[in-house]
Amino acid sequence: MKAEYDFSNAKRAKDVPHLVKLQAAAAKGKTRVTMYLDDSVLDAFRSRAQVEGKGDQTLINDTLKQSVITHDEPMTEETLRRVIREELRAT
C-alpha cells in the first residue's frame, strides 16, 4: 500500500454513470445496515442460498420480510432470533 495517494484526478460518484445507477437503485426502499449474526446462522443462510441460487443477503431479507408480513407481533430481538432458528430448522 502506498504511503500517499493522488486523488487530484478522481471523479465524484455523481459523475460516474454506473455509480449513479447503483446509488439510484439503493435509494429505492433499501437501507444499508451493519449487524452481527452468529457464524452458524450465516453459514446456514449461505448454504441455503447456494442451493436456491440466490444471494445470502437476499435470502435473509426475504426471511425477515416474510416474518414481518405473516406475524402481527413486533420485530424484537427475541422475534428475530426465533425466526432465524425456524429458518435454520427448515434447511
C-alpha atoms as a PDB file:
ATOM      1  CA  MET A   1       0.000   0.000   0.000  1.00  0.00           C
ATOM      2  CA  LYS A   2       1.300   3.420  -0.877  1.00  0.00           C
ATOM      3  CA  ALA A   3       2.030   5.906   1.866  1.00  0.00           C
ATOM      4  CA  GLU A   4       0.172   8.578  -0.095  1.00  0.00           C
ATOM      5  CA  TYR A   5      -2.325   8.526  -2.961  1.00  0.00           C
ATOM      6  CA  ASP A   6      -3.027  11.183  -5.582  1.00  0.00           C
ATOM      7  CA  PHE A   7      -6.755  11.885  -5.882  1.00  0.00           C
ATOM      8  CA  SER A   8      -6.365  15.071  -7.918  1.00  0.00           C
ATOM      9  CA  ASN A   9      -7.953  13.427 -10.998  1.00  0.00           C
ATOM     10  CA  ALA A  10     -10.620  11.499  -9.100  1.00  0.00           C
ATOM     11  CA  LYS A  11     -14.267  11.873 -10.077  1.00  0.00           C
ATOM     12  CA  ARG A  12     -17.210  12.241  -7.724  1.00  0.00           C
ATOM     13  CA  ALA A  13     -19.674   9.334  -7.673  1.00  0.00           C
ATOM     14  CA  LYS A  14     -22.327  11.563  -9.246  1.00  0.00           C
ATOM     15  CA  ASP A  15     -20.052  11.969 -12.287  1.00  0.00           C
ATOM     16  CA  VAL A  16     -19.622   8.221 -12.910  1.00  0.00           C
ATOM     17  CA  PRO A  17     -22.701   6.798 -14.708  1.00  0.00           C
ATOM     18  CA  HIS A  18     -22.625   3.266 -13.268  1.00  0.00           C
ATOM     19  CA  LEU A  19     -22.217   4.612  -9.728  1.00  0.00           C
ATOM     20  CA  VAL A  20     -25.161   6.973 -10.248  1.00  0.00           C
ATOM     21  CA  LYS A  21     -27.231   3.973 -11.338  1.00  0.00           C
ATOM     22  CA  LEU A  22     -26.177   1.963  -8.252  1.00  0.00           C
ATOM     23  CA  GLN A  23     -26.977   4.842  -5.924  1.00  0.00           C
ATOM     24  CA  ALA A  24     -30.407   5.288  -7.530  1.00  0.00           C
ATOM     25  CA  ALA A  25     -31.156   1.587  -7.136  1.00  0.00           C
ATOM     26  CA  ALA A  26     -30.094   1.677  -3.487  1.00  0.00           C
ATOM     27  CA  ALA A  27     -32.402   4.621  -2.844  1.00  0.00           C
ATOM     28  CA  LYS A  28     -35.474   2.583  -3.834  1.00  0.00           C
ATOM     29  CA  GLY A  29     -36.628   1.310  -0.471  1.00  0.00           C
ATOM     30  CA  LYS A  30     -33.499  -0.317   0.905  1.00  0.00           C
ATOM     31  CA  THR A  31     -31.129   0.830   3.609  1.00  0.00           C
ATOM     32  CA  ARG A  32     -27.618  -0.399   4.242  1.00  0.00           C
ATOM     33  CA  VAL A  33     -27.232  -1.713   7.807  1.00  0.00           C
ATOM     34  CA  THR A  34     -24.450  -3.342   9.735  1.00  0.00           C
ATOM     35  CA  MET A  35     -25.361  -6.168  12.079  1.00  0.00           C
ATOM     36  CA  TYR A  36     -23.737  -9.162  13.686  1.00  0.00           C
ATOM     37  CA  LEU A  37     -25.068 -12.653  13.035  1.00  0.00           C
ATOM     38  CA  ASP A  38     -23.924 -15.906  14.576  1.00  0.00           C
ATOM     39  CA  ASP A  39     -21.488 -17.759  12.329  1.00  0.00           C
ATOM     40  CA  SER A  40     -23.756 -20.800  12.294  1.00  0.00           C
ATOM     41  CA  VAL A  41     -26.718 -18.674  11.172  1.00  0.00           C
ATOM     42  CA  LEU A  42     -24.744 -17.065   8.392  1.00  0.00           C
ATOM     43  CA  ASP A  43     -23.325 -20.428   7.272  1.00  0.00           C
ATOM     44  CA  ALA A  44     -26.831 -21.879   7.112  1.00  0.00           C
ATOM     45  CA  PHE A  45     -28.152 -18.976   5.047  1.00  0.00           C
ATOM     46  CA  ARG A  46     -25.155 -19.138   2.721  1.00  0.00           C
ATOM     47  CA  SER A  47     -25.641 -22.872   2.176  1.00  0.00           C
ATOM     48  CA  ARG A  48     -29.346 -22.476   1.574  1.00  0.00           C
ATOM     49  CA  ALA A  49     -28.781 -19.506  -0.728  1.00  0.00           C
ATOM     50  CA  GLN A  50     -26.348 -21.514  -2.828  1.00  0.00           C
ATOM     51  CA  VAL A  51     -28.863 -24.340  -3.185  1.00  0.00           C
ATOM     52  CA  GLU A  52     -31.654 -21.911  -4.124  1.00  0.00           C
ATOM     53  CA  GLY A  53     -29.431 -19.880  -6.447  1.00  0.00           C
ATOM     54  CA  LYS A  54     -29.945 -16.652  -4.510  1.00  0.00           C
ATOM     55  CA  GLY A  55     -27.658 -14.328  -2.632  1.00  0.00           C
ATOM     56  CA  ASP A  56     -27.389 -14.903   1.110  1.00  0.00           C
ATOM     57  CA  GLN A  57     -28.360 -11.298   1.893  1.00  0.00           C
ATOM     58  CA  THR A  58     -31.390 -11.613  -0.372  1.00  0.00           C
ATOM     59  CA  LEU A  59     -32.438 -14.779   1.422  1.00  0.00           C
ATOM     60  CA  ILE A  60     -32.012 -13.165   4.850  1.00  0.00           C
ATOM     61  CA  ASN A  61     -34.049 -10.149   3.683  1.00  0.00           C
ATOM     62  CA  ASP A  62     -36.781 -12.395   2.257  1.00  0.00           C
ATOM     63  CA  THR A  63     -36.934 -14.351   5.518  1.00  0.00           C
ATOM     64  CA  LEU A  64     -37.250 -11.209   7.623  1.00  0.00           C
ATOM     65  CA  LYS A  65     -39.818  -9.720   5.238  1.00  0.00           C
ATOM     66  CA  GLN A  66     -41.920 -12.891   5.367  1.00  0.00           C
ATOM     67  CA  SER A  67     -41.792 -12.884   9.145  1.00  0.00           C
ATOM     68  CA  VAL A  68     -42.935  -9.274   9.347  1.00  0.00           C
ATOM     69  CA  ILE A  69     -45.773  -9.865   6.884  1.00  0.00           C
ATOM     70  CA  THR A  70     -47.067 -13.089   8.433  1.00  0.00           C
ATOM     71  CA  HIS A  71     -46.778 -12.144  12.096  1.00  0.00           C
ATOM     72  CA  ASP A  72     -48.539  -9.332  13.859  1.00  0.00           C
ATOM     73  CA  GLU A  73     -46.049  -9.289  16.689  1.00  0.00           C
ATOM     74  CA  PRO A  74     -43.389  -6.563  16.767  1.00  0.00           C
ATOM     75  CA  MET A  75     -39.923  -7.310  15.400  1.00  0.00           C
ATOM     76  CA  THR A  76     -37.948  -7.583  18.610  1.00  0.00           C
ATOM     77  CA  GLU A  77     -34.561  -9.205  19.091  1.00  0.00           C
ATOM     78  CA  GLU A  78     -36.338 -12.247  20.510  1.00  0.00           C
ATOM     79  CA  THR A  79     -38.636 -12.427  17.472  1.00  0.00           C
ATOM     80  CA  LEU A  80     -35.696 -12.102  15.093  1.00  0.00           C
ATOM     81  CA  ARG A  81     -33.819 -14.903  16.857  1.00  0.00           C
ATOM     82  CA  ARG A  82     -36.936 -17.115  16.743  1.00  0.00           C
ATOM     83  CA  VAL A  83     -37.372 -16.531  13.008  1.00  0.00           C
ATOM     84  CA  ILE A  84     -33.739 -17.327  12.312  1.00  0.00           C
ATOM     85  CA  ARG A  85     -33.977 -20.528  14.385  1.00  0.00           C
ATOM     86  CA  GLU A  86     -37.105 -21.555  12.441  1.00  0.00           C
ATOM     87  CA  GLU A  87     -35.333 -20.964   9.146  1.00  0.00           C
ATOM     88  CA  LEU A  88     -32.328 -22.985  10.289  1.00  0.00           C
ATOM     89  CA  ARG A  89     -34.581 -25.898  11.202  1.00  0.00           C
ATOM     90  CA  ALA A  90     -36.196 -25.697   7.756  1.00  0.00           C
ATOM     91  CA  THR A  91     -32.871 -26.320   5.996  1.00  0.00           C
END
